[in-house]
Amino acid sequence: MTDGEPWPGSRAVNRSEGFGERLLGVLLDRAHEMPPQLIAPLIAEEVARIGGRDVAVLLQDYAQELLVPLPGRGLVVGEPEVITGSPAGTAFLRAAAVEVPQADGVRMYLPLLDGSDEVGVMAVSLASVDDDDRRLLRRLAGLVADMLVTKHAYTDRFFQARRREPMSVAAEMQWSLLPPLTMSVPQVAVSGAVEPAYSIAGDSFDYALNDDTLHAAVIDAMGHGLDAATMATVAVGAYRHARRAGVDLAEKYVFMDQAIAQQFGPDHFVTAQMLDLDTVTGRLQWVNAGHPAPLLIRNHEVAGTLEGPTTLPVGLGGERPAISESQLQCGDRVLCYTDGLIEERDAEGELFGEERLIRCVNAVERARAEEGIRAGALWLSHSLKRERGGRTSDDATVLLIEWRGGTADHLTSLE
């Protein structure tokens, strides 16, 4: 191969730097060592280069009800926008740009996607917009999302912007423990929600996509406050450790059981639901340790529960559990939840119960059939809270898993 020839097996490409590449490159180059407080001015400055004005960065609040403005020099800092019913909220829920005509141009709302997890929305006004502008702004929003995710580890400012009320220490621990609320690839999607957002303690969930297997778990530690949060932290840590060791579901249970028993003694326990999904075949395996059985959602309605043998909650020395198995169909969703949803009592003292949960799930699935899994989990969490009369006396968590059965080889799209 001589200088100037393309790499063997590749297409020849135009390596000249266009305006869009220069803009994104300058932003990326400058962001490397930029302190967090200067990220907002940098974003506003670079957007102005393409004629953008009135730039706002809106971040999802912890309750997943509002998109709140990130303060910073050069950014518009107005009132929070509700997720349900606003142009910004529509862009957030659908992970797609929304354009609103204005007297002096157009206001664009672009989802800030970290992979498939929605960080928030970037809003910008332009005199006019064409397809080249849309493509450049979409890529710019992706770069802004990556910058926010990277820089948030160095500062508290982004966390503070998202808070709309005081947060308990237990909730602080739980939010630092949670993975991204949404993960979506062609084969599978996952989305979760926790309530009450600012005082969650014993509930948590975790997941990891390792090659062709999605590993997921939902846990509910007994008690409230710091004790429950500490136990949940140990349980999730033990689960991750066992998962990364490559052991099967039954062995994960044994490892978690020993960790909780050794750390907290015989009178403490954690209920858990642990699942492995083969994203190629749709084979689902799970272990139930004293947890409510997951719901199977097919064709946008609850088709039944995923029943199977149960074992004692983690920490009580149960026998090595049996592994249950089911075959999913493309498009199936599995809903895991904690008992705080169905054991809540309404204002009249009536237990919420599984039947009302199923009715609520069916209503949300029918109403939001065309929306993605992030919207599904969020609408479900909000609808369940409204159905309970806004009452959340115990932790309430949902984790929604969708098997899509798509191809795993993303590189084929580059050929």
Protein backbone atom coordinates (compact mmCIF):
# COMPACT_ATOMS: atom_id res chain seq x y z
CA MET A 1 0.00 0.00 0.00
CA THR A 2 1.44 3.40 -0.99
CA ASP A 3 0.83 6.77 0.58
CA GLY A 4 -2.50 8.22 -0.44
CA GLU A 5 -4.13 4.86 -1.19
CA PRO A 6 -7.22 3.84 0.81
CA TRP A 7 -6.90 1.13 3.45
CA PRO A 8 -7.40 -2.31 1.86
CA GLY A 9 -11.08 -3.31 1.87
CA SER A 10 -12.31 0.18 2.70
CA ARG A 11 -14.01 2.84 0.62
CA ALA A 12 -12.06 5.93 -0.38
CA VAL A 13 -13.31 8.90 1.64
CA ASN A 14 -13.07 12.66 1.28
CA ARG A 15 -10.80 13.69 4.14
CA SER A 16 -11.25 17.45 3.69
CA GLU A 17 -12.68 19.12 6.76
CA GLY A 18 -16.07 20.69 6.17
CA PHE A 19 -17.73 23.39 8.25
CA GLY A 20 -19.70 20.94 10.35
CA GLU A 21 -16.65 18.80 11.10
CA ARG A 22 -14.65 21.89 12.07
CA LEU A 23 -17.41 23.06 14.40
CA LEU A 24 -17.72 19.71 16.15
CA GLY A 25 -13.96 19.27 16.20
CA VAL A 26 -13.37 22.66 17.81
CA LEU A 27 -16.02 21.92 20.44
CA LEU A 28 -14.49 18.52 21.19
CA ASP A 29 -10.93 19.83 21.30
CA ARG A 30 -11.80 22.70 23.63
CA ALA A 31 -13.95 20.56 25.92
CA HIS A 32 -11.15 18.16 26.90
CA GLU A 33 -9.68 20.34 29.64
CA MET A 34 -12.58 22.74 30.04
CA PRO A 35 -13.71 23.11 33.68
CA PRO A 36 -17.36 22.15 34.20
CA GLN A 37 -18.59 25.72 34.80
CA LEU A 38 -17.39 26.77 31.35
CA ILE A 39 -19.21 24.05 29.45
CA ALA A 40 -22.40 26.13 29.21
CA PRO A 41 -20.66 29.20 27.71
CA LEU A 42 -18.76 26.95 25.33
CA ILE A 43 -21.99 25.35 24.08
CA ALA A 44 -23.66 28.73 23.60
CA GLU A 45 -20.61 30.12 21.76
CA GLU A 46 -20.35 27.21 19.34
CA VAL A 47 -24.10 27.12 18.62
CA ALA A 48 -23.91 30.83 17.75
CA ARG A 49 -21.45 29.92 14.97
CA ILE A 50 -24.29 28.33 13.01
CA GLY A 51 -26.67 31.20 13.66
CA GLY A 52 -28.29 29.72 16.74
CA ARG A 53 -29.57 31.92 19.55
CA ASP A 54 -31.40 31.63 22.87
CA VAL A 55 -29.70 28.33 23.67
CA ALA A 56 -31.08 26.37 26.63
CA VAL A 57 -29.95 23.05 28.09
CA LEU A 58 -32.77 21.31 29.95
CA LEU A 59 -31.99 18.38 32.26
CA GLN A 60 -34.39 15.73 33.51
CA ASP A 61 -35.27 16.22 37.18
CA TYR A 62 -35.07 13.28 39.57
CA ALA A 63 -38.83 12.80 39.72
CA GLN A 64 -38.90 12.60 35.90
CA GLU A 65 -41.66 15.18 35.77
CA LEU A 66 -39.81 18.30 34.62
CA LEU A 67 -37.01 19.41 32.34
CA VAL A 68 -35.09 22.02 34.33
CA PRO A 69 -32.72 24.61 32.83
CA LEU A 70 -29.01 24.28 33.42
CA PRO A 71 -27.69 27.66 34.60
CA GLY A 72 -24.63 29.12 32.92
CA ARG A 73 -23.35 32.18 31.13
CA GLY A 74 -24.78 32.34 27.62
CA LEU A 75 -27.66 29.94 28.29
CA VAL A 76 -31.32 30.91 28.59
CA VAL A 77 -32.49 30.11 32.12
CA GLY A 78 -36.29 30.19 32.25
CA GLU A 79 -38.92 28.15 34.04
CA PRO A 80 -38.80 24.34 34.00
CA GLU A 81 -40.86 22.66 31.30
CA VAL A 82 -43.17 19.75 32.08
CA ILE A 83 -42.23 16.53 30.36
CA THR A 84 -45.84 15.67 29.55
CA GLY A 85 -47.30 18.03 26.97
CA SER A 86 -44.46 20.42 26.15
CA PRO A 87 -42.37 20.49 22.93
CA ALA A 88 -39.24 19.86 25.01
CA GLY A 89 -40.94 16.94 26.74
CA THR A 90 -42.04 15.47 23.41
CA ALA A 91 -38.46 15.59 22.12
CA PHE A 92 -37.31 13.95 25.35
CA LEU A 93 -39.87 11.13 25.36
CA ARG A 94 -39.64 10.34 21.65
CA ALA A 95 -35.87 10.86 21.39
CA ALA A 96 -36.47 12.91 18.26
CA ALA A 97 -36.13 16.57 17.34
CA VAL A 98 -39.21 18.80 17.58
CA GLU A 99 -39.52 22.03 15.57
CA VAL A 100 -41.85 24.84 16.63
CA PRO A 101 -42.41 27.69 14.11
CA GLN A 102 -41.98 31.18 15.53
CA ALA A 103 -42.49 34.70 14.15
CA ASP A 104 -38.73 35.12 13.71
CA GLY A 105 -37.81 31.60 12.67
CA VAL A 106 -38.02 28.22 14.33
CA ARG A 107 -37.37 26.89 17.83
CA MET A 108 -35.72 23.46 17.80
CA TYR A 109 -35.74 20.98 20.67
CA LEU A 110 -33.10 18.27 20.32
CA PRO A 111 -32.82 15.24 22.62
CA LEU A 112 -29.52 14.95 24.46
CA LEU A 113 -28.75 11.25 24.10
CA ASP A 114 -25.94 9.53 25.96
CA GLY A 115 -26.03 6.36 23.95
CA SER A 116 -29.76 5.65 24.27
CA ASP A 117 -30.23 7.26 27.70
CA GLU A 118 -31.94 10.64 27.55
CA VAL A 119 -29.93 13.20 29.53
CA GLY A 120 -32.24 16.06 28.64
CA VAL A 121 -32.98 18.44 25.77
CA MET A 122 -31.12 21.27 24.03
CA ALA A 123 -33.27 24.10 22.71
CA VAL A 124 -32.07 26.61 20.13
CA SER A 125 -33.72 29.19 17.86
CA LEU A 126 -32.71 29.79 14.24
CA ALA A 127 -33.93 32.10 11.49
CA SER A 128 -34.47 29.06 9.26
CA VAL A 129 -33.49 25.41 9.22
CA ASP A 130 -32.73 22.94 6.41
CA ASP A 131 -31.66 19.31 6.34
CA ASP A 132 -27.97 20.19 6.68
CA ASP A 133 -28.77 22.25 9.78
CA ARG A 134 -30.83 19.41 11.23
CA ARG A 135 -28.05 16.89 10.71
CA LEU A 136 -25.40 19.17 12.21
CA LEU A 137 -27.57 20.09 15.20
CA ARG A 138 -28.40 16.44 15.85
CA ARG A 139 -24.69 15.60 15.97
CA LEU A 140 -23.97 18.68 18.04
CA ALA A 141 -26.62 17.62 20.57
CA GLY A 142 -25.01 14.20 20.78
CA LEU A 143 -21.63 15.75 21.52
CA VAL A 144 -23.17 18.08 24.13
CA ALA A 145 -24.77 15.08 25.85
CA ASP A 146 -21.42 13.27 25.97
CA MET A 147 -19.77 16.37 27.43
CA LEU A 148 -22.42 16.71 30.15
CA VAL A 149 -22.13 13.06 31.13
CA THR A 150 -18.34 13.24 31.24
CA LYS A 151 -18.13 16.51 33.16
CA HIS A 152 -20.85 15.64 35.68
CA ALA A 153 -18.38 13.34 37.44
CA TYR A 154 -16.24 16.39 38.24
CA THR A 155 -18.90 18.69 39.68
CA ASP A 156 -22.10 18.85 41.73
CA ARG A 157 -23.66 21.60 39.59
CA PHE A 158 -25.51 19.29 37.23
CA PHE A 159 -26.89 17.25 40.14
CA GLN A 160 -28.01 20.43 41.87
CA ALA A 161 -29.77 21.71 38.76
CA ARG A 162 -31.84 18.52 38.57
CA ARG A 163 -33.07 18.70 42.17
CA ARG A 164 -36.44 20.28 42.77
CA GLU A 165 -36.67 19.44 46.48
CA PRO A 166 -34.38 18.23 49.29
CA MET A 167 -33.00 14.71 48.91
CA SER A 168 -32.43 12.25 51.75
CA VAL A 169 -29.01 10.68 52.34
CA ALA A 170 -30.52 7.27 51.56
CA ALA A 171 -31.81 8.53 48.21
CA GLU A 172 -28.43 10.08 47.47
CA MET A 173 -26.89 6.64 47.93
CA GLN A 174 -29.47 4.94 45.75
CA TRP A 175 -29.21 7.38 42.85
CA SER A 176 -25.42 6.99 42.83
CA LEU A 177 -25.95 3.22 42.65
CA LEU A 178 -28.42 3.14 39.76
CA PRO A 179 -27.30 2.50 36.18
CA PRO A 180 -28.64 4.78 33.40
CA LEU A 181 -32.44 4.72 33.56
CA THR A 182 -32.71 3.71 29.90
CA MET A 183 -30.67 1.48 27.61
CA SER A 184 -31.79 0.69 24.05
CA VAL A 185 -30.16 -1.31 21.25
CA PRO A 186 -31.76 -3.13 18.29
CA GLN A 187 -31.95 -6.41 20.25
CA VAL A 188 -33.30 -5.25 23.60
CA ALA A 189 -34.33 -2.20 25.59
CA VAL A 190 -34.50 -1.54 29.33
CA SER A 191 -36.02 1.35 31.26
CA GLY A 192 -36.67 1.87 34.95
CA ALA A 193 -38.19 4.35 37.39
CA VAL A 194 -38.05 4.71 41.18
CA GLU A 195 -40.41 6.41 43.63
CA PRO A 196 -40.33 8.45 45.79
CA ALA A 197 -37.47 10.05 43.88
CA TYR A 198 -36.15 12.19 46.73
CA SER A 199 -36.46 9.66 49.55
CA ILE A 200 -36.02 6.25 47.89
CA ALA A 201 -34.12 3.90 50.20
CA GLY A 202 -34.38 0.13 49.88
CA ASP A 203 -35.38 -0.34 46.24
CA SER A 204 -32.91 -0.56 43.39
CA PHE A 205 -32.34 -2.18 40.02
CA ASP A 206 -29.33 -3.02 37.91
CA TYR A 207 -28.58 -4.39 34.45
CA ALA A 208 -25.73 -5.12 32.06
CA LEU A 209 -25.63 -6.19 28.43
CA ASN A 210 -22.76 -8.65 28.05
CA ASP A 211 -22.47 -9.82 24.45
CA ASP A 212 -25.79 -11.58 23.69
CA THR A 213 -27.08 -11.72 27.27
CA LEU A 214 -28.97 -9.05 29.15
CA HIS A 215 -28.56 -9.47 32.90
CA ALA A 216 -31.06 -7.61 35.07
CA ALA A 217 -32.10 -7.53 38.72
CA VAL A 218 -34.65 -5.72 40.86
CA ILE A 219 -34.16 -5.70 44.64
CA ASP A 220 -36.11 -4.51 47.66
CA ALA A 221 -34.26 -4.32 50.99
CA MET A 222 -36.32 -4.53 54.15
CA GLY A 223 -36.84 -1.44 56.27
CA HIS A 224 -36.52 2.25 55.51
CA GLY A 225 -33.93 5.00 55.47
CA LEU A 226 -30.20 4.49 55.75
CA ASP A 227 -30.42 0.90 56.96
CA ALA A 228 -32.36 -0.14 53.86
CA ALA A 229 -30.12 1.90 51.55
CA THR A 230 -27.00 0.30 53.02
CA MET A 231 -28.45 -3.18 52.60
CA ALA A 232 -29.50 -2.42 49.02
CA THR A 233 -26.00 -1.17 48.25
CA VAL A 234 -24.46 -4.42 49.51
CA ALA A 235 -27.02 -6.51 47.60
CA VAL A 236 -26.39 -4.72 44.30
CA GLY A 237 -22.63 -4.81 44.87
CA ALA A 238 -22.77 -8.56 45.49
CA TYR A 239 -24.96 -9.06 42.42
CA ARG A 240 -22.54 -7.13 40.21
CA HIS A 241 -19.57 -9.01 41.61
CA ALA A 242 -21.19 -12.39 40.94
CA ARG A 243 -22.39 -11.31 37.50
CA ARG A 244 -18.92 -10.18 36.50
CA ALA A 245 -17.53 -13.50 37.70
CA GLY A 246 -19.69 -15.19 35.05
CA VAL A 247 -21.70 -17.47 37.36
CA ASP A 248 -25.27 -18.58 36.66
CA LEU A 249 -28.43 -17.21 38.26
CA ALA A 250 -28.56 -19.76 41.05
CA GLU A 251 -24.98 -19.01 42.02
CA LYS A 252 -25.69 -15.28 41.98
CA TYR A 253 -28.42 -15.87 44.54
CA VAL A 254 -26.08 -17.90 46.75
CA PHE A 255 -23.41 -15.21 46.62
CA MET A 256 -25.87 -12.41 47.43
CA ASP A 257 -27.44 -14.46 50.21
CA GLN A 258 -24.09 -15.00 51.89
CA ALA A 259 -23.10 -11.34 51.57
CA ILE A 260 -26.29 -10.06 53.22
CA ALA A 261 -26.25 -12.71 55.97
CA GLN A 262 -22.61 -12.10 56.84
CA GLN A 263 -22.93 -8.31 56.86
CA PHE A 264 -26.31 -7.84 58.55
CA GLY A 265 -27.15 -11.02 60.43
CA PRO A 266 -30.11 -13.43 60.35
CA ASP A 267 -32.91 -10.89 60.87
CA HIS A 268 -32.28 -8.88 57.71
CA PHE A 269 -33.23 -9.76 54.15
CA VAL A 270 -33.63 -8.49 50.61
CA THR A 271 -36.21 -9.72 48.12
CA ALA A 272 -34.83 -10.02 44.61
CA GLN A 273 -35.76 -10.86 41.04
CA MET A 274 -32.81 -11.77 38.82
CA LEU A 275 -33.14 -12.38 35.09
CA ASP A 276 -30.99 -13.40 32.14
CA LEU A 277 -32.32 -12.77 28.61
CA ASP A 278 -30.70 -14.26 25.52
CA THR A 279 -31.08 -11.33 23.13
CA VAL A 280 -30.66 -13.56 20.06
CA THR A 281 -33.23 -16.27 20.84
CA GLY A 282 -35.52 -14.53 23.34
CA ARG A 283 -35.03 -17.22 25.98
CA LEU A 284 -35.67 -15.70 29.41
CA GLN A 285 -34.43 -17.28 32.64
CA TRP A 286 -35.08 -15.96 36.12
CA VAL A 287 -34.76 -16.62 39.84
CA ASN A 288 -37.37 -15.31 42.25
CA ALA A 289 -36.23 -14.70 45.83
CA GLY A 290 -39.45 -13.73 47.62
CA HIS A 291 -40.33 -11.08 45.03
CA PRO A 292 -43.61 -10.35 43.16
CA ALA A 293 -43.75 -12.33 39.91
CA PRO A 294 -43.01 -10.26 36.77
CA LEU A 295 -45.79 -9.43 34.32
CA LEU A 296 -45.56 -10.53 30.69
CA ILE A 297 -46.86 -7.86 28.29
CA ARG A 298 -47.69 -9.07 24.78
CA ASN A 299 -49.41 -7.07 22.04
CA HIS A 300 -49.71 -4.12 24.43
CA GLU A 301 -51.61 -5.91 27.18
CA VAL A 302 -50.73 -8.07 30.15
CA ALA A 303 -50.75 -11.70 29.00
CA GLY A 304 -50.06 -13.14 32.46
CA THR A 305 -47.46 -13.45 35.16
CA LEU A 306 -44.14 -15.24 34.90
CA GLU A 307 -44.71 -17.76 37.63
CA GLY A 308 -42.14 -20.23 38.86
CA PRO A 309 -40.56 -21.73 41.96
CA THR A 310 -39.49 -19.20 44.57
CA THR A 311 -36.84 -19.33 47.24
CA LEU A 312 -36.34 -17.38 50.44
CA PRO A 313 -35.33 -13.72 50.24
CA VAL A 314 -31.62 -13.02 50.02
CA GLY A 315 -29.98 -13.23 53.45
CA LEU A 316 -32.24 -15.90 54.99
CA GLY A 317 -30.23 -18.92 53.89
CA GLY A 318 -32.63 -20.35 51.33
CA GLU A 319 -31.90 -23.44 49.29
CA ARG A 320 -30.13 -23.13 45.99
CA PRO A 321 -32.97 -21.87 43.77
CA ALA A 322 -34.50 -23.47 40.72
CA ILE A 323 -34.11 -21.47 37.52
CA SER A 324 -37.38 -20.75 35.70
CA GLU A 325 -37.52 -20.31 31.94
CA SER A 326 -39.85 -18.86 29.29
CA GLN A 327 -39.66 -18.14 25.56
CA LEU A 328 -40.40 -14.53 24.60
CA GLN A 329 -41.83 -13.35 21.30
CA CYS A 330 -40.44 -10.33 19.45
CA GLY A 331 -41.97 -7.20 20.96
CA ASP A 332 -42.74 -8.79 24.32
CA ARG A 333 -42.16 -6.70 27.41
CA VAL A 334 -41.45 -7.98 30.90
CA LEU A 335 -42.38 -5.73 33.82
CA CYS A 336 -40.59 -6.27 37.13
CA TYR A 337 -41.78 -4.27 40.12
CA THR A 338 -41.44 -4.08 43.88
CA ASP A 339 -44.24 -4.71 46.35
CA GLY A 340 -44.49 -1.02 47.24
CA LEU A 341 -46.70 -0.67 44.15
CA ILE A 342 -49.34 -3.23 45.04
CA GLU A 343 -49.23 -3.00 48.84
CA GLU A 344 -49.96 0.74 48.95
CA ARG A 345 -53.39 1.69 50.32
CA ASP A 346 -55.51 4.47 48.87
CA ALA A 347 -57.27 7.20 50.85
CA GLU A 348 -60.11 4.79 51.69
CA GLY A 349 -57.66 2.22 53.03
CA GLU A 350 -58.14 -0.18 50.11
CA LEU A 351 -55.09 -2.18 49.01
CA PHE A 352 -53.92 -1.23 45.52
CA GLY A 353 -53.39 -4.85 44.52
CA GLU A 354 -52.22 -6.67 41.42
CA GLU A 355 -55.52 -6.38 39.51
CA ARG A 356 -55.41 -2.57 39.59
CA LEU A 357 -51.75 -2.72 38.59
CA ILE A 358 -52.65 -4.82 35.54
CA ARG A 359 -55.50 -2.47 34.58
CA CYS A 360 -53.13 0.47 34.80
CA VAL A 361 -50.45 -1.29 32.73
CA ASN A 362 -53.00 -2.15 30.03
CA ALA A 363 -54.27 1.44 29.88
CA VAL A 364 -50.77 2.87 29.52
CA GLU A 365 -49.76 0.27 26.92
CA ARG A 366 -52.80 1.03 24.77
CA ALA A 367 -52.42 4.80 25.07
CA ARG A 368 -48.67 4.83 24.44
CA ALA A 369 -48.35 1.94 21.98
CA GLU A 370 -46.34 4.01 19.49
CA GLU A 371 -43.91 5.50 21.98
CA GLY A 372 -40.62 4.03 23.12
CA ILE A 373 -39.73 2.17 26.26
CA ARG A 374 -38.50 5.29 28.09
CA ALA A 375 -41.94 6.85 27.66
CA GLY A 376 -43.57 3.54 28.62
CA ALA A 377 -41.73 3.25 31.94
CA LEU A 378 -42.17 6.93 32.76
CA TRP A 379 -45.89 7.02 31.92
CA LEU A 380 -46.41 3.81 33.86
CA SER A 381 -44.66 5.13 36.96
CA HIS A 382 -46.60 8.42 36.84
CA SER A 383 -49.92 6.69 36.14
CA LEU A 384 -49.46 4.28 39.02
CA LYS A 385 -48.66 7.16 41.33
CA ARG A 386 -51.81 9.02 40.26
CA GLU A 387 -53.87 5.84 40.63
CA ARG A 388 -52.63 5.53 44.20
CA GLY A 389 -53.78 9.09 44.84
CA GLY A 390 -50.22 10.39 44.89
CA ARG A 391 -49.45 8.21 47.91
CA THR A 392 -46.00 6.64 48.16
CA SER A 393 -45.51 5.47 51.72
CA ASP A 394 -43.10 2.74 50.58
CA ASP A 395 -40.50 2.53 47.83
CA ALA A 396 -42.02 1.68 44.45
CA THR A 397 -39.85 0.62 41.52
CA VAL A 398 -40.58 -0.56 37.96
CA LEU A 399 -38.15 -2.08 35.47
CA LEU A 400 -39.42 -2.65 31.94
CA ILE A 401 -37.55 -4.97 29.55
CA GLU A 402 -38.43 -5.27 25.85
CA TRP A 403 -37.08 -8.02 23.61
CA ARG A 404 -36.80 -6.74 20.04
CA GLY A 405 -34.87 -9.54 18.37
CA GLY A 406 -32.91 -7.25 16.05
CA THR A 407 -29.55 -8.01 14.52
CA ALA A 408 -26.53 -7.74 16.78
CA ASP A 409 -24.11 -6.79 13.99
CA HIS A 410 -24.36 -2.99 13.83
CA LEU A 411 -21.36 -2.84 11.55
CA THR A 412 -23.42 -4.15 8.64
CA SER A 413 -24.99 -0.68 8.40
CA LEU A 414 -21.57 0.77 7.56
CA GLU A 415 -21.01 -1.36 4.50
